[in-house]
Amino acid sequence: MEKDDAIQALSALAHPGRLDVFRLLVRAGPEGVAAGEIARLTGSPASSLSTNLAILSAAGLIASRRDGRSILYRAAFERMTGLLAFLMEDCCAGKPEVCAPLAAVARQACGAEGPTC
């Protein structure tokens, strides 16, 4: 990931509503969540949610697909992984114990065969 892409992604996440939406979509996994359900679960008004989804989409952090009359949104796990890798690229200065807690969190979140990791 390039620096400008990381800045765009981090900027998109630097808002409480967008961060809530993104975390909800990460928890939902690759199946995604319908826009109406996102609004209900986050308590977002439709206009705010629409803007937040557009910003997250422009940053490449989420993707959408039509399912009948609904639009389902899902986290773009490849982009999320790229952002995390960019942030940790120069981590540790030769001291792996510094990053070990983060690796443990990733293993716990993903399980042995997590579909998103």
PDB file of N, CA and C in Angstrom:
ATOM      1  N   MET A   1       0.846  -1.178   0.000  1.00  0.00           N
ATOM      2  CA  MET A   1       0.000   0.000   0.000  1.00  0.00           C
ATOM      3  C   MET A   1       0.885   1.234   0.000  1.00  0.00           C
ATOM      4  N   GLU A   2       0.465   2.208  -0.780  1.00  0.00           N
ATOM      5  CA  GLU A   2       1.199   3.469  -0.848  1.00  0.00           C
ATOM      6  C   GLU A   2       0.774   4.395   0.288  1.00  0.00           C
ATOM      7  N   LYS A   3       1.622   5.323   0.625  1.00  0.00           N
ATOM      8  CA  LYS A   3       1.370   6.256   1.715  1.00  0.00           C
ATOM      9  C   LYS A   3       0.057   7.012   1.523  1.00  0.00           C
ATOM     10  N   ASP A   4      -0.198   7.517   0.320  1.00  0.00           N
ATOM     11  CA  ASP A   4      -1.434   8.268   0.065  1.00  0.00           C
ATOM     12  C   ASP A   4      -2.679   7.403   0.260  1.00  0.00           C
ATOM     13  N   ASP A   5      -2.595   6.135  -0.115  1.00  0.00           N
ATOM     14  CA  ASP A   5      -3.721   5.221   0.090  1.00  0.00           C
ATOM     15  C   ASP A   5      -3.968   4.994   1.575  1.00  0.00           C
ATOM     16  N   ALA A   6      -2.898   4.853   2.338  1.00  0.00           N
ATOM     17  CA  ALA A   6      -3.024   4.669   3.787  1.00  0.00           C
ATOM     18  C   ALA A   6      -3.647   5.905   4.430  1.00  0.00           C
ATOM     19  N   ILE A   7      -3.228   7.077   3.985  1.00  0.00           N
ATOM     20  CA  ILE A   7      -3.784   8.319   4.523  1.00  0.00           C
ATOM     21  C   ILE A   7      -5.275   8.406   4.228  1.00  0.00           C
ATOM     22  N   GLN A   8      -5.669   8.055   3.009  1.00  0.00           N
ATOM     23  CA  GLN A   8      -7.085   8.083   2.652  1.00  0.00           C
ATOM     24  C   GLN A   8      -7.886   7.109   3.520  1.00  0.00           C
ATOM     25  N   ALA A   9      -7.369   5.903   3.715  1.00  0.00           N
ATOM     26  CA  ALA A   9      -8.067   4.904   4.527  1.00  0.00           C
ATOM     27  C   ALA A   9      -8.156   5.347   5.981  1.00  0.00           C
ATOM     28  N   LEU A  10      -7.068   5.842   6.520  1.00  0.00           N
ATOM     29  CA  LEU A  10      -7.080   6.292   7.914  1.00  0.00           C
ATOM     30  C   LEU A  10      -8.004   7.495   8.093  1.00  0.00           C
ATOM     31  N   SER A  11      -8.024   8.389   7.120  1.00  0.00           N
ATOM     32  CA  SER A  11      -8.928   9.541   7.181  1.00  0.00           C
ATOM     33  C   SER A  11     -10.380   9.088   7.183  1.00  0.00           C
ATOM     34  N   ALA A  12     -10.684   8.089   6.366  1.00  0.00           N
ATOM     35  CA  ALA A  12     -12.053   7.578   6.316  1.00  0.00           C
ATOM     36  C   ALA A  12     -12.468   6.971   7.648  1.00  0.00           C
ATOM     37  N   LEU A  13     -11.536   6.354   8.334  1.00  0.00           N
ATOM     38  CA  LEU A  13     -11.840   5.709   9.615  1.00  0.00           C
ATOM     39  C   LEU A  13     -11.824   6.681  10.790  1.00  0.00           C
ATOM     40  N   ALA A  14     -11.342   7.894  10.566  1.00  0.00           N
ATOM     41  CA  ALA A  14     -11.174   8.874  11.648  1.00  0.00           C
ATOM     42  C   ALA A  14     -12.475   9.637  11.909  1.00  0.00           C
ATOM     43  N   HIS A  15     -13.556   8.917  12.007  1.00  0.00           N
ATOM     44  CA  HIS A  15     -14.867   9.499  12.284  1.00  0.00           C
ATOM     45  C   HIS A  15     -15.652   8.432  13.056  1.00  0.00           C
ATOM     46  N   PRO A  16     -16.258   8.794  14.172  1.00  0.00           N
ATOM     47  CA  PRO A  16     -16.940   7.779  14.985  1.00  0.00           C
ATOM     48  C   PRO A  16     -17.988   6.960  14.225  1.00  0.00           C
ATOM     49  N   GLY A  17     -18.795   7.608  13.414  1.00  0.00           N
ATOM     50  CA  GLY A  17     -19.828   6.883  12.675  1.00  0.00           C
ATOM     51  C   GLY A  17     -19.254   5.929  11.655  1.00  0.00           C
ATOM     52  N   ARG A  18     -18.241   6.372  10.920  1.00  0.00           N
ATOM     53  CA  ARG A  18     -17.625   5.502   9.906  1.00  0.00           C
ATOM     54  C   ARG A  18     -16.876   4.352  10.567  1.00  0.00           C
ATOM     55  N   LEU A  19     -16.219   4.638  11.664  1.00  0.00           N
ATOM     56  CA  LEU A  19     -15.510   3.569  12.378  1.00  0.00           C
ATOM     57  C   LEU A  19     -16.503   2.522  12.889  1.00  0.00           C
ATOM     58  N   ASP A  20     -17.641   2.971  13.419  1.00  0.00           N
ATOM     59  CA  ASP A  20     -18.667   2.028  13.872  1.00  0.00           C
ATOM     60  C   ASP A  20     -19.167   1.155  12.723  1.00  0.00           C
ATOM     61  N   VAL A  21     -19.429   1.780  11.575  1.00  0.00           N
ATOM     62  CA  VAL A  21     -19.901   1.027  10.410  1.00  0.00           C
ATOM     63  C   VAL A  21     -18.841   0.021   9.970  1.00  0.00           C
ATOM     64  N   PHE A  22     -17.602   0.460   9.864  1.00  0.00           N
ATOM     65  CA  PHE A  22     -16.542  -0.430   9.405  1.00  0.00           C
ATOM     66  C   PHE A  22     -16.368  -1.608  10.357  1.00  0.00           C
ATOM     67  N   ARG A  23     -16.358  -1.348  11.643  1.00  0.00           N
ATOM     68  CA  ARG A  23     -16.201  -2.440  12.618  1.00  0.00           C
ATOM     69  C   ARG A  23     -17.379  -3.408  12.558  1.00  0.00           C
ATOM     70  N   LEU A  24     -18.577  -2.885  12.351  1.00  0.00           N
ATOM     71  CA  LEU A  24     -19.751  -3.740  12.192  1.00  0.00           C
ATOM     72  C   LEU A  24     -19.577  -4.654  10.986  1.00  0.00           C
ATOM     73  N   LEU A  25     -19.101  -4.093   9.883  1.00  0.00           N
ATOM     74  CA  LEU A  25     -18.919  -4.896   8.670  1.00  0.00           C
ATOM     75  C   LEU A  25     -17.791  -5.910   8.832  1.00  0.00           C
ATOM     76  N   VAL A  26     -16.756  -5.564   9.565  1.00  0.00           N
ATOM     77  CA  VAL A  26     -15.684  -6.532   9.843  1.00  0.00           C
ATOM     78  C   VAL A  26     -16.254  -7.697  10.645  1.00  0.00           C
ATOM     79  N   ARG A  27     -17.054  -7.388  11.665  1.00  0.00           N
ATOM     80  CA  ARG A  27     -17.656  -8.454  12.482  1.00  0.00           C
ATOM     81  C   ARG A  27     -18.606  -9.319  11.648  1.00  0.00           C
ATOM     82  N   ALA A  28     -19.294  -8.720  10.691  1.00  0.00           N
ATOM     83  CA  ALA A  28     -20.272  -9.460   9.886  1.00  0.00           C
ATOM     84  C   ALA A  28     -19.617 -10.466   8.945  1.00  0.00           C
ATOM     85  N   GLY A  29     -18.367 -10.213   8.587  1.00  0.00           N
ATOM     86  CA  GLY A  29     -17.668 -11.137   7.701  1.00  0.00           C
ATOM     87  C   GLY A  29     -18.003 -10.895   6.244  1.00  0.00           C
ATOM     88  N   PRO A  30     -17.605 -11.827   5.390  1.00  0.00           N
ATOM     89  CA  PRO A  30     -17.737 -11.635   3.951  1.00  0.00           C
ATOM     90  C   PRO A  30     -19.183 -11.607   3.444  1.00  0.00           C
ATOM     91  N   GLU A  31     -20.135 -12.076   4.221  1.00  0.00           N
ATOM     92  CA  GLU A  31     -21.531 -12.059   3.783  1.00  0.00           C
ATOM     93  C   GLU A  31     -22.059 -10.637   3.693  1.00  0.00           C
ATOM     94  N   GLY A  32     -21.586  -9.764   4.567  1.00  0.00           N
ATOM     95  CA  GLY A  32     -22.017  -8.378   4.551  1.00  0.00           C
ATOM     96  C   GLY A  32     -23.325  -8.142   5.270  1.00  0.00           C
ATOM     97  N   VAL A  33     -23.762  -6.880   5.228  1.00  0.00           N
ATOM     98  CA  VAL A  33     -24.965  -6.445   5.935  1.00  0.00           C
ATOM     99  C   VAL A  33     -25.714  -5.466   5.023  1.00  0.00           C
ATOM    100  N   ALA A  34     -27.032  -5.568   5.014  1.00  0.00           N
ATOM    101  CA  ALA A  34     -27.865  -4.648   4.234  1.00  0.00           C
ATOM    102  C   ALA A  34     -27.799  -3.248   4.836  1.00  0.00           C
ATOM    103  N   ALA A  35     -27.914  -2.255   3.976  1.00  0.00           N
ATOM    104  CA  ALA A  35     -27.817  -0.866   4.413  1.00  0.00           C
ATOM    105  C   ALA A  35     -28.821  -0.546   5.520  1.00  0.00           C
ATOM    106  N   GLY A  36     -30.046  -1.004   5.376  1.00  0.00           N
ATOM    107  CA  GLY A  36     -31.058  -0.751   6.407  1.00  0.00           C
ATOM    108  C   GLY A  36     -30.686  -1.335   7.752  1.00  0.00           C
ATOM    109  N   GLU A  37     -30.093  -2.510   7.723  1.00  0.00           N
ATOM    110  CA  GLU A  37     -29.661  -3.157   8.962  1.00  0.00           C
ATOM    111  C   GLU A  37     -28.483  -2.408   9.582  1.00  0.00           C
ATOM    112  N   ILE A  38     -27.573  -1.901   8.737  1.00  0.00           N
ATOM    113  CA  ILE A  38     -26.463  -1.091   9.245  1.00  0.00           C
ATOM    114  C   ILE A  38     -27.026   0.131   9.963  1.00  0.00           C
ATOM    115  N   ALA A  39     -28.001   0.794   9.353  1.00  0.00           N
ATOM    116  CA  ALA A  39     -28.611   1.976   9.958  1.00  0.00           C
ATOM    117  C   ALA A  39     -29.242   1.617  11.297  1.00  0.00           C
ATOM    118  N   ARG A  40     -29.960   0.517  11.334  1.00  0.00           N
ATOM    119  CA  ARG A  40     -30.620   0.097  12.573  1.00  0.00           C
ATOM    120  C   ARG A  40     -29.614  -0.220  13.664  1.00  0.00           C
ATOM    121  N   LEU A  41     -28.577  -0.982  13.316  1.00  0.00           N
ATOM    122  CA  LEU A  41     -27.595  -1.414  14.314  1.00  0.00           C
ATOM    123  C   LEU A  41     -26.700  -0.289  14.815  1.00  0.00           C
ATOM    124  N   THR A  42     -26.456   0.697  13.976  1.00  0.00           N
ATOM    125  CA  THR A  42     -25.582   1.802  14.390  1.00  0.00           C
ATOM    126  C   THR A  42     -26.358   3.031  14.839  1.00  0.00           C
ATOM    127  N   GLY A  43     -27.653   3.050  14.572  1.00  0.00           N
ATOM    128  CA  GLY A  43     -28.452   4.213  14.924  1.00  0.00           C
ATOM    129  C   GLY A  43     -28.174   5.414  14.038  1.00  0.00           C
ATOM    130  N   SER A  44     -27.671   5.162  12.843  1.00  0.00           N
ATOM    131  CA  SER A  44     -27.321   6.242  11.913  1.00  0.00           C
ATOM    132  C   SER A  44     -28.545   6.693  11.126  1.00  0.00           C
ATOM    133  N   PRO A  45     -28.745   8.006  11.006  1.00  0.00           N
ATOM    134  CA  PRO A  45     -29.776   8.496  10.083  1.00  0.00           C
ATOM    135  C   PRO A  45     -29.374   8.152   8.650  1.00  0.00           C
ATOM    136  N   ALA A  46     -30.358   7.971   7.786  1.00  0.00           N
ATOM    137  CA  ALA A  46     -30.091   7.540   6.410  1.00  0.00           C
ATOM    138  C   ALA A  46     -29.109   8.453   5.690  1.00  0.00           C
ATOM    139  N   SER A  47     -29.248   9.762   5.849  1.00  0.00           N
ATOM    140  CA  SER A  47     -28.358  10.684   5.127  1.00  0.00           C
ATOM    141  C   SER A  47     -26.918  10.560   5.620  1.00  0.00           C
ATOM    142  N   SER A  48     -26.737  10.439   6.919  1.00  0.00           N
ATOM    143  CA  SER A  48     -25.380  10.268   7.467  1.00  0.00           C
ATOM    144  C   SER A  48     -24.787   8.938   7.040  1.00  0.00           C
ATOM    145  N   LEU A  49     -25.603   7.895   7.085  1.00  0.00           N
ATOM    146  CA  LEU A  49     -25.112   6.574   6.704  1.00  0.00           C
ATOM    147  C   LEU A  49     -24.695   6.559   5.244  1.00  0.00           C
ATOM    148  N   SER A  50     -25.491   7.163   4.395  1.00  0.00           N
ATOM    149  CA  SER A  50     -25.168   7.208   2.972  1.00  0.00           C
ATOM    150  C   SER A  50     -23.817   7.884   2.741  1.00  0.00           C
ATOM    151  N   THR A  51     -23.599   9.000   3.401  1.00  0.00           N
ATOM    152  CA  THR A  51     -22.320   9.707   3.285  1.00  0.00           C
ATOM    153  C   THR A  51     -21.184   8.856   3.813  1.00  0.00           C
ATOM    154  N   ASN A  52     -21.374   8.251   4.969  1.00  0.00           N
ATOM    155  CA  ASN A  52     -20.317   7.432   5.567  1.00  0.00           C
ATOM    156  C   ASN A  52     -19.974   6.226   4.697  1.00  0.00           C
ATOM    157  N   LEU A  53     -20.990   5.596   4.120  1.00  0.00           N
ATOM    158  CA  LEU A  53     -20.734   4.459   3.230  1.00  0.00           C
ATOM    159  C   LEU A  53     -19.979   4.904   1.980  1.00  0.00           C
ATOM    160  N   ALA A  54     -20.326   6.065   1.457  1.00  0.00           N
ATOM    161  CA  ALA A  54     -19.642   6.578   0.265  1.00  0.00           C
ATOM    162  C   ALA A  54     -18.178   6.873   0.559  1.00  0.00           C
ATOM    163  N   ILE A  55     -17.887   7.436   1.706  1.00  0.00           N
ATOM    164  CA  ILE A  55     -16.501   7.752   2.067  1.00  0.00           C
ATOM    165  C   ILE A  55     -15.698   6.475   2.289  1.00  0.00           C
ATOM    166  N   LEU A  56     -16.278   5.506   2.990  1.00  0.00           N
ATOM    167  CA  LEU A  56     -15.585   4.232   3.211  1.00  0.00           C
ATOM    168  C   LEU A  56     -15.357   3.502   1.887  1.00  0.00           C
ATOM    169  N   SER A  57     -16.333   3.584   1.003  1.00  0.00           N
ATOM    170  CA  SER A  57     -16.204   2.954  -0.308  1.00  0.00           C
ATOM    171  C   SER A  57     -15.119   3.625  -1.139  1.00  0.00           C
ATOM    172  N   ALA A  58     -15.097   4.956  -1.140  1.00  0.00           N
ATOM    173  CA  ALA A  58     -14.075   5.697  -1.895  1.00  0.00           C
ATOM    174  C   ALA A  58     -12.674   5.388  -1.391  1.00  0.00           C
ATOM    175  N   ALA A  59     -12.548   5.089  -0.105  1.00  0.00           N
ATOM    176  CA  ALA A  59     -11.257   4.736   0.474  1.00  0.00           C
ATOM    177  C   ALA A  59     -10.902   3.276   0.215  1.00  0.00           C
ATOM    178  N   GLY A  60     -11.833   2.533  -0.389  1.00  0.00           N
ATOM    179  CA  GLY A  60     -11.580   1.131  -0.700  1.00  0.00           C
ATOM    180  C   GLY A  60     -11.737   0.203   0.487  1.00  0.00           C
ATOM    181  N   LEU A  61     -12.332   0.685   1.573  1.00  0.00           N
ATOM    182  CA  LEU A  61     -12.447  -0.115   2.785  1.00  0.00           C
ATOM    183  C   LEU A  61     -13.690  -0.993   2.816  1.00  0.00           C
ATOM    184  N   ILE A  62     -14.671  -0.675   1.977  1.00  0.00           N
ATOM    185  CA  ILE A  62     -15.871  -1.500   1.896  1.00  0.00           C
ATOM    186  C   ILE A  62     -16.242  -1.700   0.431  1.00  0.00           C
ATOM    187  N   ALA A  63     -17.043  -2.721   0.206  1.00  0.00           N
ATOM    188  CA  ALA A  63     -17.559  -3.008  -1.127  1.00  0.00           C
ATOM    189  C   ALA A  63     -19.053  -3.281  -0.985  1.00  0.00           C
ATOM    190  N   SER A  64     -19.777  -3.128  -2.071  1.00  0.00           N
ATOM    191  CA  SER A  64     -21.213  -3.366  -2.028  1.00  0.00           C
ATOM    192  C   SER A  64     -21.630  -4.258  -3.192  1.00  0.00           C
ATOM    193  N   ARG A  65     -22.785  -4.886  -3.002  1.00  0.00           N
ATOM    194  CA  ARG A  65     -23.382  -5.676  -4.067  1.00  0.00           C
ATOM    195  C   ARG A  65     -24.890  -5.673  -3.868  1.00  0.00           C
ATOM    196  N   ARG A  66     -25.587  -5.749  -4.977  1.00  0.00           N
ATOM    197  CA  ARG A  66     -27.047  -5.774  -4.915  1.00  0.00           C
ATOM    198  C   ARG A  66     -27.511  -7.201  -4.684  1.00  0.00           C
ATOM    199  N   ASP A  67     -28.502  -7.333  -3.800  1.00  0.00           N
ATOM    200  CA  ASP A  67     -29.134  -8.618  -3.530  1.00  0.00           C
ATOM    201  C   ASP A  67     -30.642  -8.371  -3.541  1.00  0.00           C
ATOM    202  N   GLY A  68     -31.251  -8.560  -4.695  1.00  0.00           N
ATOM    203  CA  GLY A  68     -32.670  -8.244  -4.832  1.00  0.00           C
ATOM    204  C   GLY A  68     -32.870  -6.741  -4.709  1.00  0.00           C
ATOM    205  N   ARG A  69     -33.684  -6.331  -3.750  1.00  0.00           N
ATOM    206  CA  ARG A  69     -33.935  -4.907  -3.538  1.00  0.00           C
ATOM    207  C   ARG A  69     -32.952  -4.279  -2.561  1.00  0.00           C
ATOM    208  N   SER A  70     -32.131  -5.085  -1.939  1.00  0.00           N
ATOM    209  CA  SER A  70     -31.188  -4.584  -0.933  1.00  0.00           C
ATOM    210  C   SER A  70     -29.794  -4.401  -1.506  1.00  0.00           C
ATOM    211  N   ILE A  71     -29.049  -3.515  -0.893  1.00  0.00           N
ATOM    212  CA  ILE A  71     -27.620  -3.397  -1.179  1.00  0.00           C
ATOM    213  C   ILE A  71     -26.895  -3.887   0.060  1.00  0.00           C
ATOM    214  N   LEU A  72     -26.062  -4.895  -0.136  1.00  0.00           N
ATOM    215  CA  LEU A  72     -25.278  -5.453   0.958  1.00  0.00           C
ATOM    216  C   LEU A  72     -23.889  -4.847   0.925  1.00  0.00           C
ATOM    217  N   TYR A  73     -23.400  -4.467   2.086  1.00  0.00           N
ATOM    218  CA  TYR A  73     -22.057  -3.917   2.223  1.00  0.00           C
ATOM    219  C   TYR A  73     -21.214  -4.884   3.019  1.00  0.00           C
ATOM    220  N   ARG A  74     -19.952  -4.978   2.635  1.00  0.00           N
ATOM    221  CA  ARG A  74     -19.012  -5.837   3.363  1.00  0.00           C
ATOM    222  C   ARG A  74     -17.683  -5.105   3.476  1.00  0.00           C
ATOM    223  N   ALA A  75     -16.922  -5.482   4.478  1.00  0.00           N
ATOM    224  CA  ALA A  75     -15.581  -4.918   4.626  1.00  0.00           C
ATOM    225  C   ALA A  75     -14.700  -5.468   3.510  1.00  0.00           C
ATOM    226  N   ALA A  76     -13.822  -4.633   2.996  1.00  0.00           N
ATOM    227  CA  ALA A  76     -12.834  -5.069   1.997  1.00  0.00           C
ATOM    228  C   ALA A  76     -11.616  -5.555   2.772  1.00  0.00           C
ATOM    229  N   PHE A  77     -11.640  -6.827   3.095  1.00  0.00           N
ATOM    230  CA  PHE A  77     -10.624  -7.386   3.976  1.00  0.00           C
ATOM    231  C   PHE A  77      -9.216  -7.296   3.396  1.00  0.00           C
ATOM    232  N   GLU A  78      -9.102  -7.380   2.079  1.00  0.00           N
ATOM    233  CA  GLU A  78      -7.774  -7.282   1.469  1.00  0.00           C
ATOM    234  C   GLU A  78      -7.192  -5.891   1.718  1.00  0.00           C
ATOM    235  N   ARG A  79      -8.029  -4.871   1.587  1.00  0.00           N
ATOM    236  CA  ARG A  79      -7.586  -3.488   1.816  1.00  0.00           C
ATOM    237  C   ARG A  79      -7.245  -3.282   3.292  1.00  0.00           C
ATOM    238  N   MET A  80      -8.069  -3.834   4.183  1.00  0.00           N
ATOM    239  CA  MET A  80      -7.802  -3.730   5.608  1.00  0.00           C
ATOM    240  C   MET A  80      -6.471  -4.390   5.945  1.00  0.00           C
ATOM    241  N   THR A  81      -6.228  -5.555   5.384  1.00  0.00           N
ATOM    242  CA  THR A  81      -4.965  -6.260   5.610  1.00  0.00           C
ATOM    243  C   THR A  81      -3.798  -5.436   5.083  1.00  0.00           C
ATOM    244  N   GLY A  82      -3.979  -4.834   3.917  1.00  0.00           N
ATOM    245  CA  GLY A  82      -2.935  -3.978   3.352  1.00  0.00           C
ATOM    246  C   GLY A  82      -2.632  -2.788   4.234  1.00  0.00           C
ATOM    247  N   LEU A  83      -3.671  -2.176   4.799  1.00  0.00           N
ATOM    248  CA  LEU A  83      -3.470  -1.030   5.692  1.00  0.00           C
ATOM    249  C   LEU A  83      -2.736  -1.460   6.955  1.00  0.00           C
ATOM    250  N   LEU A  84      -3.147  -2.559   7.535  1.00  0.00           N
ATOM    251  CA  LEU A  84      -2.471  -3.051   8.743  1.00  0.00           C
ATOM    252  C   LEU A  84      -1.018  -3.401   8.446  1.00  0.00           C
ATOM    253  N   ALA A  85      -0.783  -4.022   7.309  1.00  0.00           N
ATOM    254  CA  ALA A  85       0.595  -4.361   6.932  1.00  0.00           C
ATOM    255  C   ALA A  85       1.421  -3.099   6.741  1.00  0.00           C
ATOM    256  N   PHE A  86       0.844  -2.078   6.104  1.00  0.00           N
ATOM    257  CA  PHE A  86       1.544  -0.807   5.911  1.00  0.00           C
ATOM    258  C   PHE A  86       1.922  -0.194   7.256  1.00  0.00           C
ATOM    259  N   LEU A  87       0.982  -0.216   8.201  1.00  0.00           N
ATOM    260  CA  LEU A  87       1.245   0.375   9.511  1.00  0.00           C
ATOM    261  C   LEU A  87       2.319  -0.378  10.291  1.00  0.00           C
ATOM    262  N   MET A  88       2.413  -1.676  10.051  1.00  0.00           N
ATOM    263  CA  MET A  88       3.363  -2.490  10.816  1.00  0.00           C
ATOM    264  C   MET A  88       4.628  -2.812  10.043  1.00  0.00           C
ATOM    265  N   GLU A  89       4.743  -2.320   8.836  1.00  0.00           N
ATOM    266  CA  GLU A  89       5.854  -2.645   7.950  1.00  0.00           C
ATOM    267  C   GLU A  89       7.221  -2.473   8.607  1.00  0.00           C
ATOM    268  N   ASP A  90       7.410  -1.413   9.305  1.00  0.00           N
ATOM    269  CA  ASP A  90       8.709  -1.125   9.917  1.00  0.00           C
ATOM    270  C   ASP A  90       8.678  -1.321  11.430  1.00  0.00           C
ATOM    271  N   CYS A  91       7.746  -2.117  11.884  1.00  0.00           N
ATOM    272  CA  CYS A  91       7.542  -2.315  13.314  1.00  0.00           C
ATOM    273  C   CYS A  91       8.688  -3.077  13.972  1.00  0.00           C
ATOM    274  N   CYS A  92       8.923  -2.762  15.174  1.00  0.00           N
ATOM    275  CA  CYS A  92       9.718  -3.564  16.097  1.00  0.00           C
ATOM    276  C   CYS A  92      11.197  -3.231  16.160  1.00  0.00           C
ATOM    277  N   ALA A  93      11.761  -2.632  15.154  1.00  0.00           N
ATOM    278  CA  ALA A  93      13.187  -2.306  15.162  1.00  0.00           C
ATOM    279  C   ALA A  93      14.025  -3.508  15.597  1.00  0.00           C
ATOM    280  N   GLY A  94      13.695  -4.661  15.049  1.00  0.00           N
ATOM    281  CA  GLY A  94      14.463  -5.862  15.377  1.00  0.00           C
ATOM    282  C   GLY A  94      14.079  -6.494  16.702  1.00  0.00           C
ATOM    283  N   LYS A  95      12.980  -6.038  17.304  1.00  0.00           N
ATOM    284  CA  LYS A  95      12.525  -6.572  18.589  1.00  0.00           C
ATOM    285  C   LYS A  95      11.120  -7.148  18.418  1.00  0.00           C
ATOM    286  N   PRO A  96      11.027  -8.410  18.021  1.00  0.00           N
ATOM    287  CA  PRO A  96       9.721  -8.994  17.724  1.00  0.00           C
ATOM    288  C   PRO A  96       8.756  -8.982  18.902  1.00  0.00           C
ATOM    289  N   GLU A  97       9.258  -8.916  20.116  1.00  0.00           N
ATOM    290  CA  GLU A  97       8.367  -8.897  21.282  1.00  0.00           C
ATOM    291  C   GLU A  97       7.488  -7.645  21.311  1.00  0.00           C
ATOM    292  N   VAL A  98       7.915  -6.597  20.615  1.00  0.00           N
ATOM    293  CA  VAL A  98       7.119  -5.379  20.557  1.00  0.00           C
ATOM    294  C   VAL A  98       5.811  -5.643  19.801  1.00  0.00           C
ATOM    295  N   CYS A  99       5.879  -6.390  18.721  1.00  0.00           N
ATOM    296  CA  CYS A  99       4.696  -6.660  17.896  1.00  0.00           C
ATOM    297  C   CYS A  99       3.986  -7.958  18.282  1.00  0.00           C
ATOM    298  N   ALA A 100       4.563  -8.749  19.146  1.00  0.00           N
ATOM    299  CA  ALA A 100       3.964 -10.029  19.515  1.00  0.00           C
ATOM    300  C   ALA A 100       2.533  -9.884  20.029  1.00  0.00           C
ATOM    301  N   PRO A 101       2.226  -8.879  20.853  1.00  0.00           N
ATOM    302  CA  PRO A 101       0.832  -8.750  21.302  1.00  0.00           C
ATOM    303  C   PRO A 101      -0.140  -8.517  20.140  1.00  0.00           C
ATOM    304  N   LEU A 102       0.284  -7.793  19.119  1.00  0.00           N
ATOM    305  CA  LEU A 102      -0.587  -7.568  17.958  1.00  0.00           C
ATOM    306  C   LEU A 102      -0.806  -8.848  17.179  1.00  0.00           C
ATOM    307  N   ALA A 103       0.224  -9.643  17.055  1.00  0.00           N
ATOM    308  CA  ALA A 103       0.088 -10.930  16.367  1.00  0.00           C
ATOM    309  C   ALA A 103      -0.872 -11.830  17.127  1.00  0.00           C
ATOM    310  N   ALA A 104      -0.805 -11.787  18.446  1.00  0.00           N
ATOM    311  CA  ALA A 104      -1.711 -12.596  19.267  1.00  0.00           C
ATOM    312  C   ALA A 104      -3.157 -12.146  19.081  1.00  0.00           C
ATOM    313  N   VAL A 105      -3.381 -10.846  19.005  1.00  0.00           N
ATOM    314  CA  VAL A 105      -4.730 -10.328  18.771  1.00  0.00           C
ATOM    315  C   VAL A 105      -5.248 -10.813  17.421  1.00  0.00           C
ATOM    316  N   ALA A 106      -4.400 -10.760  16.397  1.00  0.00           N
ATOM    317  CA  ALA A 106      -4.806 -11.213  15.061  1.00  0.00           C
ATOM    318  C   ALA A 106      -5.150 -12.695  15.076  1.00  0.00           C
ATOM    319  N   ARG A 107      -4.332 -13.495  15.741  1.00  0.00           N
ATOM    320  CA  ARG A 107      -4.614 -14.940  15.809  1.00  0.00           C
ATOM    321  C   ARG A 107      -5.923 -15.196  16.530  1.00  0.00           C
ATOM    322  N   GLN A 108      -6.171 -14.483  17.618  1.00  0.00           N
ATOM    323  CA  GLN A 108      -7.405 -14.663  18.381  1.00  0.00           C
ATOM    324  C   GLN A 108      -8.604 -14.240  17.555  1.00  0.00           C
ATOM    325  N   ALA A 109      -8.496 -13.119  16.863  1.00  0.00           N
ATOM    326  CA  ALA A 109      -9.616 -12.618  16.068  1.00  0.00           C
ATOM    327  C   ALA A 109      -9.929 -13.547  14.907  1.00  0.00           C
ATOM    328  N   CYS A 110      -8.897 -14.116  14.295  1.00  0.00           N
ATOM    329  CA  CYS A 110      -9.097 -14.928  13.102  1.00  0.00           C
ATOM    330  C   CYS A 110      -9.313 -16.401  13.389  1.00  0.00           C
ATOM    331  N   GLY A 111      -8.902 -16.851  14.530  1.00  0.00           N
ATOM    332  CA  GLY A 111      -8.953 -18.281  14.779  1.00  0.00           C
ATOM    333  C   GLY A 111      -7.920 -18.958  13.890  1.00  0.00           C
ATOM    334  N   ALA A 112      -7.891 -20.238  13.931  1.00  0.00           N
ATOM    335  CA  ALA A 112      -6.902 -20.982  13.159  1.00  0.00           C
ATOM    336  C   ALA A 112      -7.126 -20.825  11.656  1.00  0.00           C
ATOM    337  N   GLU A 113      -8.393 -20.717  11.234  1.00  0.00           N
ATOM    338  CA  GLU A 113      -8.693 -20.686   9.804  1.00  0.00           C
ATOM    339  C   GLU A 113      -9.666 -19.579   9.475  1.00  0.00           C
ATOM    340  N   GLY A 114      -9.532 -18.419  10.120  1.00  0.00           N
ATOM    341  CA  GLY A 114     -10.477 -17.334   9.900  1.00  0.00           C
ATOM    342  C   GLY A 114     -10.621 -16.975   8.439  1.00  0.00           C
ATOM    343  N   PRO A 115     -11.845 -16.786   7.950  1.00  0.00           N
ATOM    344  CA  PRO A 115     -12.075 -16.492   6.537  1.00  0.00           C
ATOM    345  C   PRO A 115     -11.590 -15.110   6.136  1.00  0.00           C
ATOM    346  N   THR A 116     -11.363 -14.240   7.091  1.00  0.00           N
ATOM    347  CA  THR A 116     -11.000 -12.868   6.750  1.00  0.00           C
ATOM    348  C   THR A 116      -9.542 -12.582   6.994  1.00  0.00           C
ATOM    349  N   CYS A 117      -8.776 -13.575   7.343  1.00  0.00           N
ATOM    350  CA  CYS A 117      -7.368 -13.321   7.681  1.00  0.00           C
ATOM    351  C   CYS A 117      -6.429 -14.013   6.733  1.00  0.00           C
TER     352      CYS A 117
END
